Protein backbone atom coordinates (compact mmCIF):
# COMPACT_ATOMS: atom_id res chain seq x y z
CA MET A 1 -19.99 -26.05 -1.89
CA HIS A 2 -17.75 -23.02 -2.40
CA ASP A 3 -15.25 -21.65 0.05
CA THR A 4 -16.69 -18.23 0.79
CA ASN A 5 -13.26 -16.80 1.60
CA ASP A 6 -12.04 -17.63 -1.91
CA GLU A 7 -15.05 -15.85 -3.35
CA ILE A 8 -14.19 -12.58 -1.59
CA THR A 9 -10.38 -12.77 -1.54
CA LEU A 10 -8.12 -11.80 -4.40
CA PRO A 11 -5.06 -14.04 -4.91
CA PHE A 12 -2.55 -11.42 -3.71
CA GLN A 13 -4.47 -11.04 -0.43
CA LYS A 14 -3.38 -14.55 0.53
CA LEU A 15 0.30 -13.60 0.49
CA ASP A 16 2.23 -13.35 3.75
CA ILE A 17 3.32 -9.79 3.00
CA CYS A 18 -0.31 -8.71 2.67
CA ALA A 19 -1.20 -10.35 5.96
CA ALA A 20 1.80 -8.68 7.63
CA ALA A 21 0.92 -5.24 6.26
CA LYS A 22 -2.68 -5.63 7.38
CA GLU A 23 -1.49 -6.72 10.83
CA LEU A 24 0.76 -3.63 10.95
CA ALA A 25 -2.21 -1.34 10.33
CA VAL A 26 -4.38 -3.20 12.85
CA ARG A 27 -1.69 -3.06 15.56
CA VAL A 28 -0.99 0.62 14.98
CA HIS A 29 -4.68 1.41 15.07
CA ALA A 30 -5.02 -0.50 18.36
CA ALA A 31 -1.88 1.05 19.89
CA ARG A 32 -2.61 3.64 22.51
CA ILE A 33 -0.42 6.46 21.20
CA SER A 34 -1.50 9.35 23.40
CA ASP A 35 0.04 12.08 21.21
CA SER A 36 -2.63 12.86 18.60
CA GLU A 37 -0.17 13.97 15.89
CA LEU A 38 2.01 10.86 16.18
CA ARG A 39 -1.07 8.63 16.42
CA ASP A 40 -2.46 10.14 13.20
CA GLN A 41 0.92 9.91 11.44
CA ALA A 42 1.46 6.28 12.43
CA ARG A 43 -2.06 5.29 11.45
CA ARG A 44 -1.88 6.99 8.06
CA ALA A 45 1.55 5.51 7.31
CA SER A 46 0.53 1.97 8.27
CA LYS A 47 -2.63 2.16 6.16
CA SER A 48 -0.59 3.54 3.26
CA CYS A 49 1.78 0.58 3.50
CA PHE A 50 -1.07 -1.89 3.16
CA LEU A 51 -2.88 0.03 0.43
CA ASN A 52 0.26 0.55 -1.69
CA LEU A 53 0.95 -3.18 -1.52
CA SER A 54 -2.63 -3.84 -2.53
CA GLU A 55 -2.17 -1.66 -5.61
CA GLY A 56 1.24 -3.01 -6.57
CA LEU A 57 0.93 -6.75 -6.01
CA PRO A 58 -1.72 -7.47 -8.65
CA SER A 59 -0.03 -5.28 -11.29
CA ASP A 60 1.61 -6.98 -14.27
CA SER A 61 3.76 -3.91 -14.92
CA ALA A 62 7.21 -4.18 -13.32
CA PRO A 63 7.70 -0.39 -13.13
CA MET A 64 4.31 0.04 -11.45
CA ARG A 65 5.08 -2.73 -8.96
CA ARG A 66 8.44 -1.13 -8.11
CA ARG A 67 6.78 2.24 -7.56
CA TYR A 68 4.09 0.86 -5.26
CA PHE A 69 6.57 -1.35 -3.40
CA ALA A 70 8.88 1.64 -2.84
CA SER A 71 5.96 3.64 -1.44
CA ALA A 72 4.91 0.73 0.77
CA GLY A 73 8.47 0.41 2.08
CA CYS A 74 8.68 4.11 2.86
CA SER A 75 5.35 3.94 4.67
CA ALA A 76 6.52 0.94 6.71
CA ALA A 77 9.65 2.88 7.70
CA GLU A 78 7.57 5.94 8.57
CA THR A 79 5.31 3.76 10.73
CA ALA A 80 8.32 2.34 12.56
CA ALA A 81 9.78 5.82 13.07
CA ALA A 82 6.51 7.23 14.42
CA VAL A 83 6.08 4.48 17.00
CA ASP A 84 9.78 4.64 17.92
CA LEU A 85 9.44 8.35 18.60
CA ALA A 86 6.16 7.80 20.46
CA ALA A 87 7.88 5.31 22.77
CA ALA A 88 10.91 7.60 23.18
CA ILE A 89 8.80 10.54 24.35
CA GLY A 90 6.67 8.36 26.62
CA VAL A 91 3.37 8.37 24.73
CA LEU A 92 3.41 4.66 23.78
CA ASP A 93 4.30 1.53 25.68
CA PRO A 94 7.82 0.52 24.50
CA THR A 95 6.77 -3.15 24.25
CA VAL A 96 3.95 -2.26 21.86
CA ALA A 97 6.31 -0.07 19.86
CA ALA A 98 8.90 -2.86 19.60
CA THR A 99 6.28 -5.32 18.31
CA ILE A 100 5.17 -2.84 15.64
CA GLN A 101 8.77 -2.05 14.68
CA ARG A 102 9.63 -5.75 14.27
CA LEU A 103 6.64 -6.15 11.98
CA ALA A 104 7.70 -3.13 9.90
CA VAL A 105 11.22 -4.55 9.55
CA ARG A 106 9.75 -7.89 8.45
CA ILE A 107 7.67 -6.12 5.80
CA LYS A 108 10.70 -4.18 4.54
CA LYS A 109 12.64 -7.45 4.16
CA MET A 110 9.81 -9.06 2.21
CA LEU A 111 9.56 -5.99 -0.03
CA ARG A 112 13.26 -6.20 -0.84
CA ALA A 113 12.77 -9.81 -1.93
CA LEU A 114 9.92 -8.78 -4.26
CA ARG A 115 11.97 -6.23 -6.20
């Protein structure tokens, strides 16, 4: 009997950084940012973080990996900034924002280790 998860999961998807980036996007999507522009910005940045990692991790080319990891890191920082601003102007619960920011910082640290 085959493990069905292994049949639909690429090796890089099992990495902690991938799980963290996916969690970032899920949490941002679920966050109740009441300002539509900041909500859109945070959602796009968090998705970009995950998708750039997904393009860079399986690459065998070091320059390509660096490029995608740099983009993922910038998107993680942009996500953190958007939710920080959302909390500061009162359109997001500060506790939710802090959780998302901690996750973004964790992703940035893991990205630095991959370079």
